mmCIF file of all heavy atoms, coordinates in Angstrom:
data_MODEL
# 
_entry.id   MODEL 
# 
loop_
_atom_site.group_PDB 
_atom_site.id 
_atom_site.type_symbol 
_atom_site.label_atom_id 
_atom_site.label_alt_id 
_atom_site.label_comp_id 
_atom_site.label_asym_id 
_atom_site.label_entity_id 
_atom_site.label_seq_id 
_atom_site.pdbx_PDB_ins_code 
_atom_site.Cartn_x 
_atom_site.Cartn_y 
_atom_site.Cartn_z 
_atom_site.occupancy 
_atom_site.B_iso_or_equiv 
_atom_site.pdbx_formal_charge 
_atom_site.auth_seq_id 
_atom_site.auth_comp_id 
_atom_site.auth_asym_id 
_atom_site.auth_atom_id 
_atom_site.pdbx_PDB_model_num 
ATOM 1   N N   . ASP A 1 1  ? -18.316 0.069   14.145  1.00 0.00 ? 1  ASP A N   1 
ATOM 2   C CA  . ASP A 1 1  ? -17.286 -0.878  14.578  1.00 0.00 ? 1  ASP A CA  1 
ATOM 3   C C   . ASP A 1 1  ? -16.241 -1.025  13.484  1.00 0.00 ? 1  ASP A C   1 
ATOM 4   O O   . ASP A 1 1  ? -16.652 -1.541  12.352  1.00 0.00 ? 1  ASP A O   1 
ATOM 5   C CB  . ASP A 1 1  ? -17.921 -2.224  14.995  1.00 0.00 ? 1  ASP A CB  1 
ATOM 6   C CG  . ASP A 1 1  ? -18.814 -2.040  16.244  1.00 0.00 ? 1  ASP A CG  1 
ATOM 7   O OD1 . ASP A 1 1  ? -18.186 -1.955  17.292  1.00 0.00 ? 1  ASP A OD1 1 
ATOM 8   O OD2 . ASP A 1 1  ? -20.007 -2.148  16.106  1.00 0.00 ? 1  ASP A OD2 1 
ATOM 9   N N   . ILE A 1 2  ? -15.053 -0.690  13.740  1.00 0.00 ? 2  ILE A N   1 
ATOM 10  C CA  . ILE A 1 2  ? -14.027 -0.693  12.639  1.00 0.00 ? 2  ILE A CA  1 
ATOM 11  C C   . ILE A 1 2  ? -12.805 -1.462  13.146  1.00 0.00 ? 2  ILE A C   1 
ATOM 12  O O   . ILE A 1 2  ? -12.344 -1.218  14.290  1.00 0.00 ? 2  ILE A O   1 
ATOM 13  C CB  . ILE A 1 2  ? -13.665 0.738   12.245  1.00 0.00 ? 2  ILE A CB  1 
ATOM 14  C CG1 . ILE A 1 2  ? -14.866 1.468   11.693  1.00 0.00 ? 2  ILE A CG1 1 
ATOM 15  C CG2 . ILE A 1 2  ? -12.528 0.759   11.166  1.00 0.00 ? 2  ILE A CG2 1 
ATOM 16  C CD1 . ILE A 1 2  ? -14.683 2.928   11.395  1.00 0.00 ? 2  ILE A CD1 1 
ATOM 17  N N   . ARG A 1 3  ? -12.226 -2.252  12.319  1.00 0.00 ? 3  ARG A N   1 
ATOM 18  C CA  . ARG A 1 3  ? -11.113 -2.999  12.609  1.00 0.00 ? 3  ARG A CA  1 
ATOM 19  C C   . ARG A 1 3  ? -9.967  -2.670  11.585  1.00 0.00 ? 3  ARG A C   1 
ATOM 20  O O   . ARG A 1 3  ? -10.259 -2.690  10.379  1.00 0.00 ? 3  ARG A O   1 
ATOM 21  C CB  . ARG A 1 3  ? -11.399 -4.516  12.592  1.00 0.00 ? 3  ARG A CB  1 
ATOM 22  C CG  . ARG A 1 3  ? -10.235 -5.443  13.004  1.00 0.00 ? 3  ARG A CG  1 
ATOM 23  C CD  . ARG A 1 3  ? -10.556 -6.924  12.898  1.00 0.00 ? 3  ARG A CD  1 
ATOM 24  N NE  . ARG A 1 3  ? -11.773 -7.166  13.789  1.00 0.00 ? 3  ARG A NE  1 
ATOM 25  C CZ  . ARG A 1 3  ? -12.987 -7.516  13.345  1.00 0.00 ? 3  ARG A CZ  1 
ATOM 26  N NH1 . ARG A 1 3  ? -13.205 -7.563  12.035  1.00 0.00 ? 3  ARG A NH1 1 
ATOM 27  N NH2 . ARG A 1 3  ? -13.945 -7.750  14.153  1.00 0.00 ? 3  ARG A NH2 1 
ATOM 28  N N   . ALA A 1 4  ? -8.768  -2.371  12.099  1.00 0.00 ? 4  ALA A N   1 
ATOM 29  C CA  . ALA A 1 4  ? -7.590  -2.230  11.241  1.00 0.00 ? 4  ALA A CA  1 
ATOM 30  C C   . ALA A 1 4  ? -6.750  -3.507  11.300  1.00 0.00 ? 4  ALA A C   1 
ATOM 31  O O   . ALA A 1 4  ? -6.353  -3.918  12.388  1.00 0.00 ? 4  ALA A O   1 
ATOM 32  C CB  . ALA A 1 4  ? -6.755  -1.030  11.658  1.00 0.00 ? 4  ALA A CB  1 
ATOM 33  N N   . VAL A 1 5  ? -6.428  -4.050  10.152  1.00 0.00 ? 5  VAL A N   1 
ATOM 34  C CA  . VAL A 1 5  ? -5.649  -5.312  10.122  1.00 0.00 ? 5  VAL A CA  1 
ATOM 35  C C   . VAL A 1 5  ? -4.208  -5.049  9.585   1.00 0.00 ? 5  VAL A C   1 
ATOM 36  O O   . VAL A 1 5  ? -4.139  -4.428  8.527   1.00 0.00 ? 5  VAL A O   1 
ATOM 37  C CB  . VAL A 1 5  ? -6.305  -6.405  9.208   1.00 0.00 ? 5  VAL A CB  1 
ATOM 38  C CG1 . VAL A 1 5  ? -5.530  -7.638  9.202   1.00 0.00 ? 5  VAL A CG1 1 
ATOM 39  C CG2 . VAL A 1 5  ? -7.734  -6.642  9.748   1.00 0.00 ? 5  VAL A CG2 1 
ATOM 40  N N   . PHE A 1 6  ? -3.223  -5.398  10.316  1.00 0.00 ? 6  PHE A N   1 
ATOM 41  C CA  . PHE A 1 6  ? -1.823  -5.202  9.916   1.00 0.00 ? 6  PHE A CA  1 
ATOM 42  C C   . PHE A 1 6  ? -1.221  -6.564  9.686   1.00 0.00 ? 6  PHE A C   1 
ATOM 43  O O   . PHE A 1 6  ? -1.626  -7.531  10.231  1.00 0.00 ? 6  PHE A O   1 
ATOM 44  C CB  . PHE A 1 6  ? -1.019  -4.493  10.983  1.00 0.00 ? 6  PHE A CB  1 
ATOM 45  C CG  . PHE A 1 6  ? -1.555  -3.152  11.274  1.00 0.00 ? 6  PHE A CG  1 
ATOM 46  C CD1 . PHE A 1 6  ? -2.503  -2.866  12.247  1.00 0.00 ? 6  PHE A CD1 1 
ATOM 47  C CD2 . PHE A 1 6  ? -1.029  -2.038  10.611  1.00 0.00 ? 6  PHE A CD2 1 
ATOM 48  C CE1 . PHE A 1 6  ? -2.945  -1.629  12.525  1.00 0.00 ? 6  PHE A CE1 1 
ATOM 49  C CE2 . PHE A 1 6  ? -1.470  -0.719  10.889  1.00 0.00 ? 6  PHE A CE2 1 
ATOM 50  C CZ  . PHE A 1 6  ? -2.450  -0.509  11.811  1.00 0.00 ? 6  PHE A CZ  1 
ATOM 51  N N   . VAL A 1 7  ? -0.189  -6.646  8.861   1.00 0.00 ? 7  VAL A N   1 
ATOM 52  C CA  . VAL A 1 7  ? 0.584   -7.815  8.635   1.00 0.00 ? 7  VAL A CA  1 
ATOM 53  C C   . VAL A 1 7  ? 2.062   -7.495  8.687   1.00 0.00 ? 7  VAL A C   1 
ATOM 54  O O   . VAL A 1 7  ? 2.524   -6.383  8.552   1.00 0.00 ? 7  VAL A O   1 
ATOM 55  C CB  . VAL A 1 7  ? 0.240   -8.440  7.264   1.00 0.00 ? 7  VAL A CB  1 
ATOM 56  C CG1 . VAL A 1 7  ? -1.158  -8.940  7.086   1.00 0.00 ? 7  VAL A CG1 1 
ATOM 57  C CG2 . VAL A 1 7  ? 0.533   -7.523  6.086   1.00 0.00 ? 7  VAL A CG2 1 
ATOM 58  N N   . ARG A 1 8  ? 2.834   -8.559  8.909   1.00 0.00 ? 8  ARG A N   1 
ATOM 59  C CA  . ARG A 1 8  ? 4.325   -8.394  9.005   1.00 0.00 ? 8  ARG A CA  1 
ATOM 60  C C   . ARG A 1 8  ? 4.860   -7.956  7.689   1.00 0.00 ? 8  ARG A C   1 
ATOM 61  O O   . ARG A 1 8  ? 4.466   -8.436  6.675   1.00 0.00 ? 8  ARG A O   1 
ATOM 62  C CB  . ARG A 1 8  ? 4.984   -9.716  9.421   1.00 0.00 ? 8  ARG A CB  1 
ATOM 63  C CG  . ARG A 1 8  ? 4.808   -10.010 10.960  1.00 0.00 ? 8  ARG A CG  1 
ATOM 64  C CD  . ARG A 1 8  ? 5.746   -9.259  11.766  1.00 0.00 ? 8  ARG A CD  1 
ATOM 65  N NE  . ARG A 1 8  ? 5.769   -9.692  13.188  1.00 0.00 ? 8  ARG A NE  1 
ATOM 66  C CZ  . ARG A 1 8  ? 6.430   -9.049  14.173  1.00 0.00 ? 8  ARG A CZ  1 
ATOM 67  N NH1 . ARG A 1 8  ? 7.142   -8.008  13.861  1.00 0.00 ? 8  ARG A NH1 1 
ATOM 68  N NH2 . ARG A 1 8  ? 6.285   -9.547  15.424  1.00 0.00 ? 8  ARG A NH2 1 
ATOM 69  N N   . ASP A 1 9  ? 5.857   -7.012  7.754   1.00 0.00 ? 9  ASP A N   1 
ATOM 70  C CA  . ASP A 1 9  ? 6.510   -6.565  6.565   1.00 0.00 ? 9  ASP A CA  1 
ATOM 71  C C   . ASP A 1 9  ? 7.714   -7.537  6.313   1.00 0.00 ? 9  ASP A C   1 
ATOM 72  O O   . ASP A 1 9  ? 8.724   -7.307  6.770   1.00 0.00 ? 9  ASP A O   1 
ATOM 73  C CB  . ASP A 1 9  ? 7.017   -5.134  6.825   1.00 0.00 ? 9  ASP A CB  1 
ATOM 74  C CG  . ASP A 1 9  ? 7.570   -4.558  5.499   1.00 0.00 ? 9  ASP A CG  1 
ATOM 75  O OD1 . ASP A 1 9  ? 7.677   -5.295  4.468   1.00 0.00 ? 9  ASP A OD1 1 
ATOM 76  O OD2 . ASP A 1 9  ? 8.059   -3.418  5.483   1.00 0.00 ? 9  ASP A OD2 1 
ATOM 77  N N   . THR A 1 10 ? 7.487   -8.543  5.503   1.00 0.00 ? 10 THR A N   1 
ATOM 78  C CA  . THR A 1 10 ? 8.491   -9.545  5.219   1.00 0.00 ? 10 THR A CA  1 
ATOM 79  C C   . THR A 1 10 ? 8.938   -9.398  3.777   1.00 0.00 ? 10 THR A C   1 
ATOM 80  O O   . THR A 1 10 ? 9.665   -10.241 3.211   1.00 0.00 ? 10 THR A O   1 
ATOM 81  C CB  . THR A 1 10 ? 7.939   -10.885 5.386   1.00 0.00 ? 10 THR A CB  1 
ATOM 82  O OG1 . THR A 1 10 ? 6.780   -11.095 4.530   1.00 0.00 ? 10 THR A OG1 1 
ATOM 83  C CG2 . THR A 1 10 ? 7.571   -11.146 6.825   1.00 0.00 ? 10 THR A CG2 1 
ATOM 84  N N   . PHE A 1 11 ? 8.486   -8.238  3.062   1.00 0.00 ? 11 PHE A N   1 
ATOM 85  C CA  . PHE A 1 11 ? 8.784   -8.063  1.686   1.00 0.00 ? 11 PHE A CA  1 
ATOM 86  C C   . PHE A 1 11 ? 10.210  -7.409  1.481   1.00 0.00 ? 11 PHE A C   1 
ATOM 87  O O   . PHE A 1 11 ? 10.445  -6.399  2.111   1.00 0.00 ? 11 PHE A O   1 
ATOM 88  C CB  . PHE A 1 11 ? 7.743   -7.259  0.975   1.00 0.00 ? 11 PHE A CB  1 
ATOM 89  C CG  . PHE A 1 11 ? 6.381   -7.838  1.182   1.00 0.00 ? 11 PHE A CG  1 
ATOM 90  C CD1 . PHE A 1 11 ? 5.508   -7.376  2.078   1.00 0.00 ? 11 PHE A CD1 1 
ATOM 91  C CD2 . PHE A 1 11 ? 5.951   -8.905  0.337   1.00 0.00 ? 11 PHE A CD2 1 
ATOM 92  C CE1 . PHE A 1 11 ? 4.191   -7.874  2.270   1.00 0.00 ? 11 PHE A CE1 1 
ATOM 93  C CE2 . PHE A 1 11 ? 4.696   -9.433  0.467   1.00 0.00 ? 11 PHE A CE2 1 
ATOM 94  C CZ  . PHE A 1 11 ? 3.817   -8.951  1.427   1.00 0.00 ? 11 PHE A CZ  1 
ATOM 95  N N   . GLY A 1 12 ? 11.002  -7.977  0.614   1.00 0.00 ? 12 GLY A N   1 
ATOM 96  C CA  . GLY A 1 12 ? 12.290  -7.327  0.275   1.00 0.00 ? 12 GLY A CA  1 
ATOM 97  C C   . GLY A 1 12 ? 12.117  -6.093  -0.532  1.00 0.00 ? 12 GLY A C   1 
ATOM 98  O O   . GLY A 1 12 ? 12.879  -5.115  -0.477  1.00 0.00 ? 12 GLY A O   1 
ATOM 99  N N   . ILE A 1 13 ? 11.036  -6.018  -1.397  1.00 0.00 ? 13 ILE A N   1 
ATOM 100 C CA  . ILE A 1 13 ? 10.718  -4.918  -2.211  1.00 0.00 ? 13 ILE A CA  1 
ATOM 101 C C   . ILE A 1 13 ? 9.253   -4.654  -2.081  1.00 0.00 ? 13 ILE A C   1 
ATOM 102 O O   . ILE A 1 13 ? 8.413   -5.553  -2.155  1.00 0.00 ? 13 ILE A O   1 
ATOM 103 C CB  . ILE A 1 13 ? 11.013  -5.270  -3.718  1.00 0.00 ? 13 ILE A CB  1 
ATOM 104 C CG1 . ILE A 1 13 ? 12.485  -5.715  -3.945  1.00 0.00 ? 13 ILE A CG1 1 
ATOM 105 C CG2 . ILE A 1 13 ? 10.767  -4.045  -4.662  1.00 0.00 ? 13 ILE A CG2 1 
ATOM 106 C CD1 . ILE A 1 13 ? 12.763  -6.359  -5.243  1.00 0.00 ? 13 ILE A CD1 1 
ATOM 107 N N   . ARG A 1 14 ? 8.936   -3.339  -1.904  1.00 0.00 ? 14 ARG A N   1 
ATOM 108 C CA  . ARG A 1 14 ? 7.517   -2.990  -1.732  1.00 0.00 ? 14 ARG A CA  1 
ATOM 109 C C   . ARG A 1 14 ? 7.244   -1.649  -2.270  1.00 0.00 ? 14 ARG A C   1 
ATOM 110 O O   . ARG A 1 14 ? 8.045   -0.781  -2.152  1.00 0.00 ? 14 ARG A O   1 
ATOM 111 C CB  . ARG A 1 14 ? 7.212   -3.097  -0.308  1.00 0.00 ? 14 ARG A CB  1 
ATOM 112 C CG  . ARG A 1 14 ? 5.722   -2.826  -0.005  1.00 0.00 ? 14 ARG A CG  1 
ATOM 113 C CD  . ARG A 1 14 ? 5.397   -3.332  1.456   1.00 0.00 ? 14 ARG A CD  1 
ATOM 114 N NE  . ARG A 1 14 ? 6.125   -2.725  2.592   1.00 0.00 ? 14 ARG A NE  1 
ATOM 115 C CZ  . ARG A 1 14 ? 5.724   -1.545  3.093   1.00 0.00 ? 14 ARG A CZ  1 
ATOM 116 N NH1 . ARG A 1 14 ? 4.695   -0.931  2.713   1.00 0.00 ? 14 ARG A NH1 1 
ATOM 117 N NH2 . ARG A 1 14 ? 6.379   -1.092  4.067   1.00 0.00 ? 14 ARG A NH2 1 
ATOM 118 N N   . THR A 1 15 ? 6.077   -1.460  -2.860  1.00 0.00 ? 15 THR A N   1 
ATOM 119 C CA  . THR A 1 15 ? 5.623   -0.168  -3.315  1.00 0.00 ? 15 THR A CA  1 
ATOM 120 C C   . THR A 1 15 ? 5.038   0.576   -2.147  1.00 0.00 ? 15 THR A C   1 
ATOM 121 O O   . THR A 1 15 ? 4.069   0.220   -1.562  1.00 0.00 ? 15 THR A O   1 
ATOM 122 C CB  . THR A 1 15 ? 4.602   -0.256  -4.473  1.00 0.00 ? 15 THR A CB  1 
ATOM 123 O OG1 . THR A 1 15 ? 5.189   -0.920  -5.635  1.00 0.00 ? 15 THR A OG1 1 
ATOM 124 C CG2 . THR A 1 15 ? 4.113   1.109   -4.952  1.00 0.00 ? 15 THR A CG2 1 
ATOM 125 N N   . LEU A 1 16 ? 5.606   1.766   -1.819  1.00 0.00 ? 16 LEU A N   1 
ATOM 126 C CA  . LEU A 1 16 ? 5.126   2.585   -0.753  1.00 0.00 ? 16 LEU A CA  1 
ATOM 127 C C   . LEU A 1 16 ? 4.059   3.566   -1.141  1.00 0.00 ? 16 LEU A C   1 
ATOM 128 O O   . LEU A 1 16 ? 3.173   3.917   -0.323  1.00 0.00 ? 16 LEU A O   1 
ATOM 129 C CB  . LEU A 1 16 ? 6.260   3.419   -0.130  1.00 0.00 ? 16 LEU A CB  1 
ATOM 130 C CG  . LEU A 1 16 ? 7.267   2.725   0.833   1.00 0.00 ? 16 LEU A CG  1 
ATOM 131 C CD1 . LEU A 1 16 ? 8.234   3.735   1.465   1.00 0.00 ? 16 LEU A CD1 1 
ATOM 132 C CD2 . LEU A 1 16 ? 6.557   1.925   1.885   1.00 0.00 ? 16 LEU A CD2 1 
ATOM 133 N N   . ALA A 1 17 ? 4.137   4.024   -2.401  1.00 0.00 ? 17 ALA A N   1 
ATOM 134 C CA  . ALA A 1 17 ? 3.180   5.043   -2.886  1.00 0.00 ? 17 ALA A CA  1 
ATOM 135 C C   . ALA A 1 17 ? 3.070   4.867   -4.382  1.00 0.00 ? 17 ALA A C   1 
ATOM 136 O O   . ALA A 1 17 ? 4.028   4.577   -5.071  1.00 0.00 ? 17 ALA A O   1 
ATOM 137 C CB  . ALA A 1 17 ? 3.645   6.412   -2.477  1.00 0.00 ? 17 ALA A CB  1 
ATOM 138 N N   . GLY A 1 18 ? 1.860   5.131   -4.933  1.00 0.00 ? 18 GLY A N   1 
ATOM 139 C CA  . GLY A 1 18 ? 1.649   5.043   -6.315  1.00 0.00 ? 18 GLY A CA  1 
ATOM 140 C C   . GLY A 1 18 ? 1.592   3.658   -6.783  1.00 0.00 ? 18 GLY A C   1 
ATOM 141 O O   . GLY A 1 18 ? 1.064   2.755   -6.159  1.00 0.00 ? 18 GLY A O   1 
ATOM 142 N N   . GLY A 1 19 ? 2.049   3.477   -8.046  1.00 0.00 ? 19 GLY A N   1 
ATOM 143 C CA  . GLY A 1 19 ? 1.967   2.138   -8.644  1.00 0.00 ? 19 GLY A CA  1 
ATOM 144 C C   . GLY A 1 19 ? 0.631   1.745   -9.228  1.00 0.00 ? 19 GLY A C   1 
ATOM 145 O O   . GLY A 1 19 ? 0.326   0.577   -9.525  1.00 0.00 ? 19 GLY A O   1 
ATOM 146 N N   . LYS A 1 20 ? -0.193  2.843   -9.372  1.00 0.00 ? 20 LYS A N   1 
ATOM 147 C CA  . LYS A 1 20 ? -1.568  2.626   -9.901  1.00 0.00 ? 20 LYS A CA  1 
ATOM 148 C C   . LYS A 1 20 ? -1.685  3.219   -11.304 1.00 0.00 ? 20 LYS A C   1 
ATOM 149 O O   . LYS A 1 20 ? -2.745  3.625   -11.724 1.00 0.00 ? 20 LYS A O   1 
ATOM 150 C CB  . LYS A 1 20 ? -2.593  3.308   -8.951  1.00 0.00 ? 20 LYS A CB  1 
ATOM 151 C CG  . LYS A 1 20 ? -2.504  2.779   -7.507  1.00 0.00 ? 20 LYS A CG  1 
ATOM 152 C CD  . LYS A 1 20 ? -2.894  1.362   -7.413  1.00 0.00 ? 20 LYS A CD  1 
ATOM 153 C CE  . LYS A 1 20 ? -2.929  0.884   -5.964  1.00 0.00 ? 20 LYS A CE  1 
ATOM 154 N NZ  . LYS A 1 20 ? -3.263  -0.507  -5.762  1.00 0.00 ? 20 LYS A NZ  1 
ATOM 155 N N   . GLY A 1 21 ? -0.556  3.265   -12.059 1.00 0.00 ? 21 GLY A N   1 
ATOM 156 C CA  . GLY A 1 21 ? -0.587  3.897   -13.323 1.00 0.00 ? 21 GLY A CA  1 
ATOM 157 C C   . GLY A 1 21 ? -0.466  5.420   -13.339 1.00 0.00 ? 21 GLY A C   1 
ATOM 158 O O   . GLY A 1 21 ? -0.499  6.047   -12.269 1.00 0.00 ? 21 GLY A O   1 
ATOM 159 N N   . LYS A 1 22 ? -0.179  5.909   -14.452 1.00 0.00 ? 22 LYS A N   1 
ATOM 160 C CA  . LYS A 1 22 ? 0.017   7.437   -14.566 1.00 0.00 ? 22 LYS A CA  1 
ATOM 161 C C   . LYS A 1 22 ? -1.386  8.149   -14.517 1.00 0.00 ? 22 LYS A C   1 
ATOM 162 O O   . LYS A 1 22 ? -2.294  7.706   -15.177 1.00 0.00 ? 22 LYS A O   1 
ATOM 163 C CB  . LYS A 1 22 ? 0.680   7.735   -15.953 1.00 0.00 ? 22 LYS A CB  1 
ATOM 164 C CG  . LYS A 1 22 ? 0.935   9.219   -16.161 1.00 0.00 ? 22 LYS A CG  1 
ATOM 165 C CD  . LYS A 1 22 ? 1.734   9.469   -17.370 1.00 0.00 ? 22 LYS A CD  1 
ATOM 166 C CE  . LYS A 1 22 ? 1.037   9.147   -18.640 1.00 0.00 ? 22 LYS A CE  1 
ATOM 167 N NZ  . LYS A 1 22 ? 1.789   9.555   -19.835 1.00 0.00 ? 22 LYS A NZ  1 
ATOM 168 N N   . GLY A 1 23 ? -1.505  9.105   -13.660 1.00 0.00 ? 23 GLY A N   1 
ATOM 169 C CA  . GLY A 1 23 ? -2.707  9.845   -13.547 1.00 0.00 ? 23 GLY A CA  1 
ATOM 170 C C   . GLY A 1 23 ? -2.685  11.010  -12.526 1.00 0.00 ? 23 GLY A C   1 
ATOM 171 O O   . GLY A 1 23 ? -1.674  11.271  -11.973 1.00 0.00 ? 23 GLY A O   1 
ATOM 172 N N   . ILE A 1 24 ? -3.887  11.579  -12.320 1.00 0.00 ? 24 ILE A N   1 
ATOM 173 C CA  . ILE A 1 24 ? -3.951  12.738  -11.404 1.00 0.00 ? 24 ILE A CA  1 
ATOM 174 C C   . ILE A 1 24 ? -4.661  12.387  -10.139 1.00 0.00 ? 24 ILE A C   1 
ATOM 175 O O   . ILE A 1 24 ? -4.872  13.318  -9.288  1.00 0.00 ? 24 ILE A O   1 
ATOM 176 C CB  . ILE A 1 24 ? -4.694  13.932  -12.178 1.00 0.00 ? 24 ILE A CB  1 
ATOM 177 C CG1 . ILE A 1 24 ? -6.104  13.461  -12.489 1.00 0.00 ? 24 ILE A CG1 1 
ATOM 178 C CG2 . ILE A 1 24 ? -3.895  14.335  -13.383 1.00 0.00 ? 24 ILE A CG2 1 
ATOM 179 C CD1 . ILE A 1 24 ? -6.953  14.657  -13.025 1.00 0.00 ? 24 ILE A CD1 1 
ATOM 180 N N   . GLU A 1 25 ? -5.140  11.197  -10.025 1.00 0.00 ? 25 GLU A N   1 
ATOM 181 C CA  . GLU A 1 25 ? -5.849  10.781  -8.741  1.00 0.00 ? 25 GLU A CA  1 
ATOM 182 C C   . GLU A 1 25 ? -4.868  10.852  -7.541  1.00 0.00 ? 25 GLU A C   1 
ATOM 183 O O   . GLU A 1 25 ? -3.681  10.806  -7.732  1.00 0.00 ? 25 GLU A O   1 
ATOM 184 C CB  . GLU A 1 25 ? -6.485  9.424   -8.883  1.00 0.00 ? 25 GLU A CB  1 
ATOM 185 C CG  . GLU A 1 25 ? -7.491  9.243   -10.044 1.00 0.00 ? 25 GLU A CG  1 
ATOM 186 C CD  . GLU A 1 25 ? -8.623  10.253  -9.912  1.00 0.00 ? 25 GLU A CD  1 
ATOM 187 O OE1 . GLU A 1 25 ? -9.036  10.509  -8.773  1.00 0.00 ? 25 GLU A OE1 1 
ATOM 188 O OE2 . GLU A 1 25 ? -9.080  10.756  -11.005 1.00 0.00 ? 25 GLU A OE2 1 
ATOM 189 N N   . MET A 1 26 ? -5.495  10.785  -6.363  1.00 0.00 ? 26 MET A N   1 
ATOM 190 C CA  . MET A 1 26 ? -4.631  10.967  -5.154  1.00 0.00 ? 26 MET A CA  1 
ATOM 191 C C   . MET A 1 26 ? -3.810  9.755   -4.852  1.00 0.00 ? 26 MET A C   1 
ATOM 192 O O   . MET A 1 26 ? -2.915  9.737   -3.997  1.00 0.00 ? 26 MET A O   1 
ATOM 193 C CB  . MET A 1 26 ? -5.511  11.255  -3.969  1.00 0.00 ? 26 MET A CB  1 
ATOM 194 C CG  . MET A 1 26 ? -6.076  12.659  -3.967  1.00 0.00 ? 26 MET A CG  1 
ATOM 195 S SD  . MET A 1 26 ? -4.843  13.927  -4.043  1.00 0.00 ? 26 MET A SD  1 
ATOM 196 C CE  . MET A 1 26 ? -5.610  15.277  -4.874  1.00 0.00 ? 26 MET A CE  1 
# 
């Protein structure tokens, strides 16, 4: 049993990808 929770995008600035430091992970 799995639930996906979404929230409204009310942010003027948001990180779409990365932002986890420099590295080789996915």
